[in-house]
Each structure stands twice: as structure tokens, then as C-alpha cells.
Amino acid sequence: MDLGFPQLCGSGYVTNVVLFDPNPLSESMNMKFLVQWKINHLATSSDRDQVMAMFGQMTPEDDAKQLGPDIKQITRWHDASGSGQGGGLFETDSGAALNAFFRQWAGVFESTITPVIYDDELRANIRASQG
């Protein structure tokens, strides 16, 4: 999907985030991904203004259309200072679908996608490895 702004290249961006959500997710989609993004340092102020204006006009229906049927957005947040940083937690069984979604924003945002698991999943893995 063309978002109407120039495609730019950027490197990954990583921050330290501690996330806790004790609520189990659906059985059919069990892979969770923590995504962090930041406005690309190569983006011009015009690029930033254009993408922010576009995002500001989007509806929940637009979000669902962009995500597609294979991705569940658990949460999404934005830096309250307006610096153009944010993150979200997404659930999917399709890495290809997640890649396709974030490639739509690759021209303006640098992003890092990290597979994550909940405490109960980690504890079960630890117990299983200890025999």
C-alpha cells in the first residue's frame, strides 16, 4: 500500500522496554511481537508532517484494513512528547503478514520487531528444560 510519501531507508532502532500483561491471548494466534519505532532520522520535516497528518485522519477501520486478518494489535502507544517514537504489541502466526504491515511505514519509521513471550510461557519453558 502506498502511503503517499517518499520511501526512505533507515537502520534499526532499539530501546529497553519492560512489558507485563497477565492476560492470556487467543489460542489460534500465539506468537507475540514487541515493536518499537521512531521517525526515520533521514525523513524531512515535510515527510514527518505528511505522515502525521495522514495518521491523524485514520480511523479504527483504516487500522484494521492495514493490519489485515492475520494480525491482532494488542496495544499501541506513542511518546507523549511528540518525538515520533512509539511501540506496540502484536499477535500473529504469520511473520510475513507482520513484515508486510510494517513495510507500509518503512519510508518514514525505523522499527525493531522482537518476538516476546509472557511470564507463564517462560516459566513453562524453564520447567520443561529442567526435566
N, C-alpha and C. Protein backbone atom coordinates (compact mmCIF):
# COMPACT_ATOMS: atom_id res chain seq x y z
N MET A 1 0.84 -1.18 0.00
CA MET A 1 0.00 0.00 0.00
C MET A 1 0.88 1.23 0.00
N ASP A 2 0.63 2.17 -0.87
CA ASP A 2 1.38 3.40 -0.96
C ASP A 2 0.77 4.41 0.00
N LEU A 3 1.56 4.91 0.93
CA LEU A 3 1.07 5.88 1.90
C LEU A 3 1.23 7.32 1.41
N GLY A 4 1.80 7.52 0.24
CA GLY A 4 1.88 8.85 -0.33
C GLY A 4 3.05 9.67 0.14
N PHE A 5 4.11 9.06 0.64
CA PHE A 5 5.30 9.82 1.00
C PHE A 5 6.51 9.07 0.49
N PRO A 6 7.64 9.78 0.32
CA PRO A 6 8.83 9.13 -0.25
C PRO A 6 9.31 7.97 0.61
N GLN A 7 9.79 6.92 -0.04
CA GLN A 7 10.35 5.78 0.67
C GLN A 7 11.80 6.10 1.03
N LEU A 8 12.12 6.00 2.30
CA LEU A 8 13.47 6.27 2.79
C LEU A 8 14.01 5.01 3.43
N CYS A 9 15.30 4.89 3.51
CA CYS A 9 15.93 3.74 4.16
C CYS A 9 16.44 4.17 5.51
N GLY A 10 16.42 3.26 6.47
CA GLY A 10 16.93 3.59 7.80
C GLY A 10 17.42 2.35 8.51
N SER A 11 18.18 2.57 9.55
CA SER A 11 18.68 1.45 10.34
C SER A 11 17.69 1.15 11.46
N GLY A 12 17.88 0.02 12.15
CA GLY A 12 17.00 -0.35 13.24
C GLY A 12 17.15 0.57 14.43
N TYR A 13 16.15 0.57 15.30
CA TYR A 13 16.15 1.39 16.50
C TYR A 13 15.71 0.51 17.66
N VAL A 14 16.48 0.50 18.71
CA VAL A 14 16.18 -0.37 19.84
C VAL A 14 16.14 0.46 21.12
N THR A 15 15.12 0.22 21.94
CA THR A 15 15.06 0.81 23.27
C THR A 15 14.78 -0.32 24.25
N ASN A 16 14.97 -0.06 25.51
CA ASN A 16 14.65 -1.05 26.53
C ASN A 16 13.23 -0.81 27.00
N VAL A 17 12.40 -1.84 26.92
CA VAL A 17 11.01 -1.74 27.33
C VAL A 17 10.69 -2.94 28.21
N VAL A 18 10.06 -2.69 29.32
CA VAL A 18 9.57 -3.77 30.17
C VAL A 18 8.06 -3.78 30.02
N LEU A 19 7.52 -4.92 29.63
CA LEU A 19 6.09 -5.02 29.37
C LEU A 19 5.54 -6.21 30.14
N PHE A 20 4.45 -6.01 30.84
CA PHE A 20 3.80 -7.11 31.55
C PHE A 20 2.31 -7.06 31.26
N ASP A 21 1.79 -8.15 30.78
CA ASP A 21 0.36 -8.29 30.54
C ASP A 21 -0.03 -9.69 30.97
N PRO A 22 -0.70 -9.84 32.10
CA PRO A 22 -1.02 -11.17 32.60
C PRO A 22 -2.18 -11.83 31.87
N ASN A 23 -2.82 -11.14 30.96
CA ASN A 23 -3.98 -11.69 30.29
C ASN A 23 -3.57 -12.60 29.14
N PRO A 24 -4.09 -13.82 29.12
CA PRO A 24 -3.76 -14.72 28.01
C PRO A 24 -4.40 -14.23 26.72
N LEU A 25 -3.76 -14.54 25.62
CA LEU A 25 -4.28 -14.16 24.31
C LEU A 25 -4.95 -15.37 23.68
N SER A 26 -5.46 -15.17 22.50
CA SER A 26 -6.20 -16.24 21.83
C SER A 26 -5.32 -17.45 21.58
N GLU A 27 -5.93 -18.61 21.52
CA GLU A 27 -5.21 -19.85 21.26
C GLU A 27 -4.71 -19.93 19.82
N SER A 28 -5.47 -19.35 18.87
CA SER A 28 -5.12 -19.52 17.46
C SER A 28 -3.95 -18.66 17.02
N MET A 29 -3.72 -17.57 17.70
CA MET A 29 -2.57 -16.71 17.36
C MET A 29 -1.70 -16.63 18.60
N ASN A 30 -0.60 -17.38 18.61
CA ASN A 30 0.15 -17.44 19.85
C ASN A 30 1.52 -16.80 19.78
N MET A 31 1.94 -16.24 18.65
CA MET A 31 3.23 -15.56 18.60
C MET A 31 3.01 -14.07 18.83
N LYS A 32 3.73 -13.53 19.80
CA LYS A 32 3.61 -12.11 20.13
C LYS A 32 4.89 -11.39 19.74
N PHE A 33 4.74 -10.16 19.26
CA PHE A 33 5.89 -9.38 18.81
C PHE A 33 5.81 -7.98 19.41
N LEU A 34 6.89 -7.59 20.08
CA LEU A 34 7.02 -6.23 20.58
C LEU A 34 7.66 -5.41 19.47
N VAL A 35 7.01 -4.34 19.09
CA VAL A 35 7.52 -3.50 18.01
C VAL A 35 7.77 -2.11 18.57
N GLN A 36 8.95 -1.58 18.27
CA GLN A 36 9.31 -0.22 18.67
C GLN A 36 9.65 0.56 17.41
N TRP A 37 9.20 1.81 17.33
CA TRP A 37 9.51 2.61 16.15
C TRP A 37 9.88 4.03 16.52
N LYS A 38 10.53 4.67 15.58
CA LYS A 38 10.97 6.05 15.72
C LYS A 38 10.98 6.65 14.33
N ILE A 39 10.60 7.92 14.23
CA ILE A 39 10.65 8.56 12.93
C ILE A 39 12.08 8.49 12.40
N ASN A 40 12.20 8.08 11.15
CA ASN A 40 13.49 7.91 10.49
C ASN A 40 14.29 9.22 10.53
N HIS A 41 15.55 9.11 10.93
CA HIS A 41 16.40 10.31 11.01
C HIS A 41 16.64 10.94 9.64
N LEU A 42 16.39 10.21 8.56
CA LEU A 42 16.56 10.75 7.21
C LEU A 42 15.30 11.42 6.68
N ALA A 43 14.18 11.24 7.37
CA ALA A 43 12.93 11.85 6.92
C ALA A 43 12.99 13.37 7.08
N THR A 44 12.49 14.07 6.10
CA THR A 44 12.45 15.53 6.18
C THR A 44 11.27 15.95 7.06
N SER A 45 11.26 17.21 7.47
CA SER A 45 10.14 17.69 8.28
C SER A 45 8.85 17.62 7.46
N SER A 46 8.94 17.80 6.16
CA SER A 46 7.76 17.68 5.30
C SER A 46 7.24 16.24 5.30
N ASP A 47 8.16 15.25 5.24
CA ASP A 47 7.76 13.84 5.31
C ASP A 47 7.05 13.56 6.64
N ARG A 48 7.64 14.05 7.74
CA ARG A 48 7.05 13.83 9.06
C ARG A 48 5.67 14.46 9.15
N ASP A 49 5.56 15.70 8.69
CA ASP A 49 4.27 16.39 8.75
C ASP A 49 3.22 15.65 7.92
N GLN A 50 3.63 15.17 6.76
CA GLN A 50 2.69 14.47 5.88
C GLN A 50 2.20 13.17 6.50
N VAL A 51 3.11 12.38 7.07
CA VAL A 51 2.69 11.11 7.65
C VAL A 51 1.87 11.33 8.92
N MET A 52 2.20 12.34 9.71
CA MET A 52 1.42 12.63 10.91
C MET A 52 0.01 13.10 10.54
N ALA A 53 -0.10 13.92 9.52
CA ALA A 53 -1.42 14.37 9.06
C ALA A 53 -2.24 13.18 8.58
N MET A 54 -1.61 12.28 7.84
CA MET A 54 -2.31 11.10 7.34
C MET A 54 -2.75 10.21 8.51
N PHE A 55 -1.84 9.97 9.45
CA PHE A 55 -2.16 9.12 10.60
C PHE A 55 -3.30 9.74 11.42
N GLY A 56 -3.26 11.06 11.58
CA GLY A 56 -4.29 11.75 12.34
C GLY A 56 -5.68 11.60 11.75
N GLN A 57 -5.77 11.36 10.47
CA GLN A 57 -7.06 11.20 9.80
C GLN A 57 -7.54 9.75 9.76
N MET A 58 -6.68 8.81 10.16
CA MET A 58 -7.05 7.40 10.09
C MET A 58 -8.10 7.05 11.13
N THR A 59 -8.94 6.09 10.79
CA THR A 59 -9.99 5.59 11.68
C THR A 59 -9.61 4.19 12.17
N PRO A 60 -10.31 3.68 13.17
CA PRO A 60 -10.08 2.28 13.57
C PRO A 60 -10.29 1.31 12.40
N GLU A 61 -11.20 1.62 11.50
CA GLU A 61 -11.41 0.78 10.33
C GLU A 61 -10.19 0.79 9.41
N ASP A 62 -9.56 1.96 9.27
CA ASP A 62 -8.33 2.05 8.47
C ASP A 62 -7.23 1.21 9.11
N ASP A 63 -7.12 1.28 10.44
CA ASP A 63 -6.12 0.46 11.15
C ASP A 63 -6.35 -1.02 10.87
N ALA A 64 -7.60 -1.46 10.99
CA ALA A 64 -7.93 -2.88 10.78
C ALA A 64 -7.62 -3.29 9.35
N LYS A 65 -7.89 -2.43 8.40
CA LYS A 65 -7.62 -2.75 6.99
C LYS A 65 -6.12 -2.89 6.77
N GLN A 66 -5.32 -1.99 7.35
CA GLN A 66 -3.87 -2.09 7.19
C GLN A 66 -3.32 -3.34 7.87
N LEU A 67 -3.82 -3.66 9.05
CA LEU A 67 -3.33 -4.84 9.77
C LEU A 67 -3.68 -6.12 9.02
N GLY A 68 -4.84 -6.16 8.42
CA GLY A 68 -5.27 -7.36 7.72
C GLY A 68 -5.80 -8.40 8.69
N PRO A 69 -6.27 -9.52 8.17
CA PRO A 69 -6.92 -10.53 9.01
C PRO A 69 -5.96 -11.38 9.85
N ASP A 70 -4.66 -11.33 9.55
CA ASP A 70 -3.72 -12.22 10.22
C ASP A 70 -2.98 -11.61 11.39
N ILE A 71 -3.25 -10.33 11.70
CA ILE A 71 -2.54 -9.64 12.78
C ILE A 71 -3.55 -9.08 13.77
N LYS A 72 -3.32 -9.34 15.04
CA LYS A 72 -4.12 -8.75 16.11
C LYS A 72 -3.24 -7.73 16.84
N GLN A 73 -3.70 -6.48 16.88
CA GLN A 73 -2.97 -5.45 17.62
C GLN A 73 -3.46 -5.49 19.06
N ILE A 74 -2.57 -5.85 19.99
CA ILE A 74 -2.93 -5.92 21.40
C ILE A 74 -2.93 -4.52 22.01
N THR A 75 -1.91 -3.75 21.72
CA THR A 75 -1.82 -2.37 22.20
C THR A 75 -0.86 -1.60 21.31
N ARG A 76 -0.99 -0.28 21.33
CA ARG A 76 -0.07 0.59 20.61
C ARG A 76 0.01 1.89 21.41
N TRP A 77 1.20 2.45 21.50
CA TRP A 77 1.37 3.69 22.25
C TRP A 77 2.33 4.60 21.51
N HIS A 78 2.30 5.88 21.90
CA HIS A 78 3.13 6.90 21.27
C HIS A 78 3.76 7.76 22.37
N ASP A 79 4.98 8.18 22.16
CA ASP A 79 5.69 9.04 23.09
C ASP A 79 4.88 10.33 23.26
N ALA A 80 4.53 10.65 24.50
CA ALA A 80 3.69 11.82 24.77
C ALA A 80 4.37 13.14 24.43
N SER A 81 5.69 13.14 24.26
CA SER A 81 6.39 14.38 23.95
C SER A 81 6.24 14.78 22.49
N GLY A 82 5.70 13.87 21.66
CA GLY A 82 5.55 14.17 20.24
C GLY A 82 6.83 13.96 19.45
N SER A 83 7.76 13.19 20.00
CA SER A 83 9.06 12.98 19.35
C SER A 83 8.99 12.02 18.16
N GLY A 84 7.84 11.37 17.97
CA GLY A 84 7.73 10.43 16.87
C GLY A 84 8.20 9.03 17.21
N GLN A 85 8.23 8.70 18.50
CA GLN A 85 8.59 7.35 18.93
C GLN A 85 7.34 6.66 19.45
N GLY A 86 7.34 5.33 19.38
CA GLY A 86 6.22 4.59 19.91
C GLY A 86 6.50 3.12 19.90
N GLY A 87 5.47 2.37 20.22
CA GLY A 87 5.60 0.92 20.23
C GLY A 87 4.26 0.25 20.28
N GLY A 88 4.30 -1.05 20.19
CA GLY A 88 3.07 -1.81 20.25
C GLY A 88 3.35 -3.28 20.46
N LEU A 89 2.30 -3.99 20.82
CA LEU A 89 2.37 -5.43 20.96
C LEU A 89 1.36 -6.02 19.98
N PHE A 90 1.84 -6.94 19.16
CA PHE A 90 1.03 -7.54 18.11
C PHE A 90 1.10 -9.05 18.24
N GLU A 91 0.02 -9.70 17.81
CA GLU A 91 -0.04 -11.15 17.87
C GLU A 91 -0.37 -11.66 16.47
N THR A 92 0.39 -12.66 16.02
CA THR A 92 0.16 -13.25 14.71
C THR A 92 0.87 -14.59 14.61
N ASP A 93 0.41 -15.42 13.73
CA ASP A 93 1.12 -16.64 13.38
C ASP A 93 1.90 -16.46 12.09
N SER A 94 1.84 -15.26 11.51
CA SER A 94 2.46 -15.01 10.21
C SER A 94 3.48 -13.88 10.29
N GLY A 95 4.76 -14.27 10.30
CA GLY A 95 5.81 -13.26 10.24
C GLY A 95 5.73 -12.47 8.94
N ALA A 96 5.30 -13.12 7.86
CA ALA A 96 5.18 -12.43 6.57
C ALA A 96 4.11 -11.34 6.63
N ALA A 97 2.99 -11.61 7.31
CA ALA A 97 1.94 -10.59 7.44
C ALA A 97 2.44 -9.41 8.26
N LEU A 98 3.18 -9.69 9.33
CA LEU A 98 3.71 -8.60 10.17
C LEU A 98 4.70 -7.76 9.38
N ASN A 99 5.57 -8.43 8.62
CA ASN A 99 6.52 -7.72 7.77
C ASN A 99 5.80 -6.84 6.76
N ALA A 100 4.77 -7.37 6.12
CA ALA A 100 4.02 -6.61 5.12
C ALA A 100 3.38 -5.37 5.74
N PHE A 101 2.84 -5.52 6.95
CA PHE A 101 2.23 -4.36 7.62
C PHE A 101 3.27 -3.28 7.90
N PHE A 102 4.41 -3.65 8.49
CA PHE A 102 5.38 -2.63 8.86
C PHE A 102 6.15 -2.07 7.67
N ARG A 103 6.23 -2.81 6.59
CA ARG A 103 6.87 -2.26 5.38
C ARG A 103 6.07 -1.09 4.83
N GLN A 104 4.78 -1.03 5.11
CA GLN A 104 3.96 0.10 4.67
C GLN A 104 4.46 1.41 5.28
N TRP A 105 5.07 1.33 6.45
CA TRP A 105 5.53 2.51 7.18
C TRP A 105 7.05 2.68 7.11
N ALA A 106 7.74 1.80 6.38
CA ALA A 106 9.20 1.79 6.39
C ALA A 106 9.82 3.06 5.83
N GLY A 107 9.12 3.80 5.02
CA GLY A 107 9.69 5.01 4.44
C GLY A 107 9.89 6.13 5.44
N VAL A 108 9.16 6.11 6.53
CA VAL A 108 9.24 7.20 7.49
C VAL A 108 9.69 6.73 8.87
N PHE A 109 9.41 5.47 9.21
CA PHE A 109 9.74 4.97 10.54
C PHE A 109 10.81 3.89 10.48
N GLU A 110 11.75 3.96 11.41
CA GLU A 110 12.69 2.88 11.67
C GLU A 110 12.02 2.01 12.73
N SER A 111 12.06 0.71 12.57
CA SER A 111 11.40 -0.13 13.56
C SER A 111 12.23 -1.35 13.90
N THR A 112 11.98 -1.87 15.09
CA THR A 112 12.59 -3.09 15.57
C THR A 112 11.46 -4.01 16.00
N ILE A 113 11.49 -5.25 15.53
CA ILE A 113 10.46 -6.23 15.85
C ILE A 113 11.12 -7.36 16.63
N THR A 114 10.62 -7.62 17.85
CA THR A 114 11.20 -8.62 18.73
C THR A 114 10.14 -9.62 19.17
N PRO A 115 10.35 -10.92 18.91
CA PRO A 115 9.40 -11.91 19.45
C PRO A 115 9.47 -11.89 20.97
N VAL A 116 8.32 -11.97 21.63
CA VAL A 116 8.27 -11.96 23.09
C VAL A 116 7.31 -13.04 23.58
N ILE A 117 7.49 -13.43 24.85
CA ILE A 117 6.58 -14.38 25.48
C ILE A 117 6.21 -13.85 26.86
N TYR A 118 5.10 -14.35 27.39
CA TYR A 118 4.63 -13.97 28.72
C TYR A 118 5.36 -14.77 29.80
N ASP A 119 5.22 -14.30 31.04
CA ASP A 119 5.85 -14.97 32.18
C ASP A 119 5.48 -16.45 32.25
N ASP A 120 4.19 -16.76 32.11
CA ASP A 120 3.78 -18.16 32.25
C ASP A 120 4.40 -19.03 31.17
N GLU A 121 4.58 -18.50 29.97
CA GLU A 121 5.23 -19.26 28.90
C GLU A 121 6.70 -19.50 29.22
N LEU A 122 7.38 -18.48 29.72
CA LEU A 122 8.79 -18.63 30.08
C LEU A 122 8.96 -19.62 31.22
N ARG A 123 8.09 -19.51 32.22
CA ARG A 123 8.18 -20.44 33.36
C ARG A 123 7.97 -21.88 32.91
N ALA A 124 7.00 -22.10 32.00
CA ALA A 124 6.77 -23.46 31.48
C ALA A 124 8.00 -23.96 30.72
N ASN A 125 8.63 -23.10 29.96
CA ASN A 125 9.86 -23.48 29.24
C ASN A 125 10.98 -23.84 30.20
N ILE A 126 11.12 -23.06 31.25
CA ILE A 126 12.17 -23.32 32.24
C ILE A 126 11.91 -24.66 32.92
N ARG A 127 10.67 -24.87 33.34
CA ARG A 127 10.33 -26.15 34.00
C ARG A 127 10.57 -27.33 33.07
N ALA A 128 10.19 -27.19 31.80
CA ALA A 128 10.36 -28.28 30.81
C ALA A 128 11.85 -28.58 30.59
N SER A 129 12.69 -27.56 30.61
CA SER A 129 14.12 -27.78 30.37
C SER A 129 14.82 -28.38 31.60
N GLN A 130 14.20 -28.25 32.75
CA GLN A 130 14.79 -28.80 33.97
C GLN A 130 14.39 -30.24 34.20
N GLY A 131 13.52 -30.75 33.33
CA GLY A 131 13.11 -32.16 33.41
C GLY A 131 12.17 -32.39 34.47
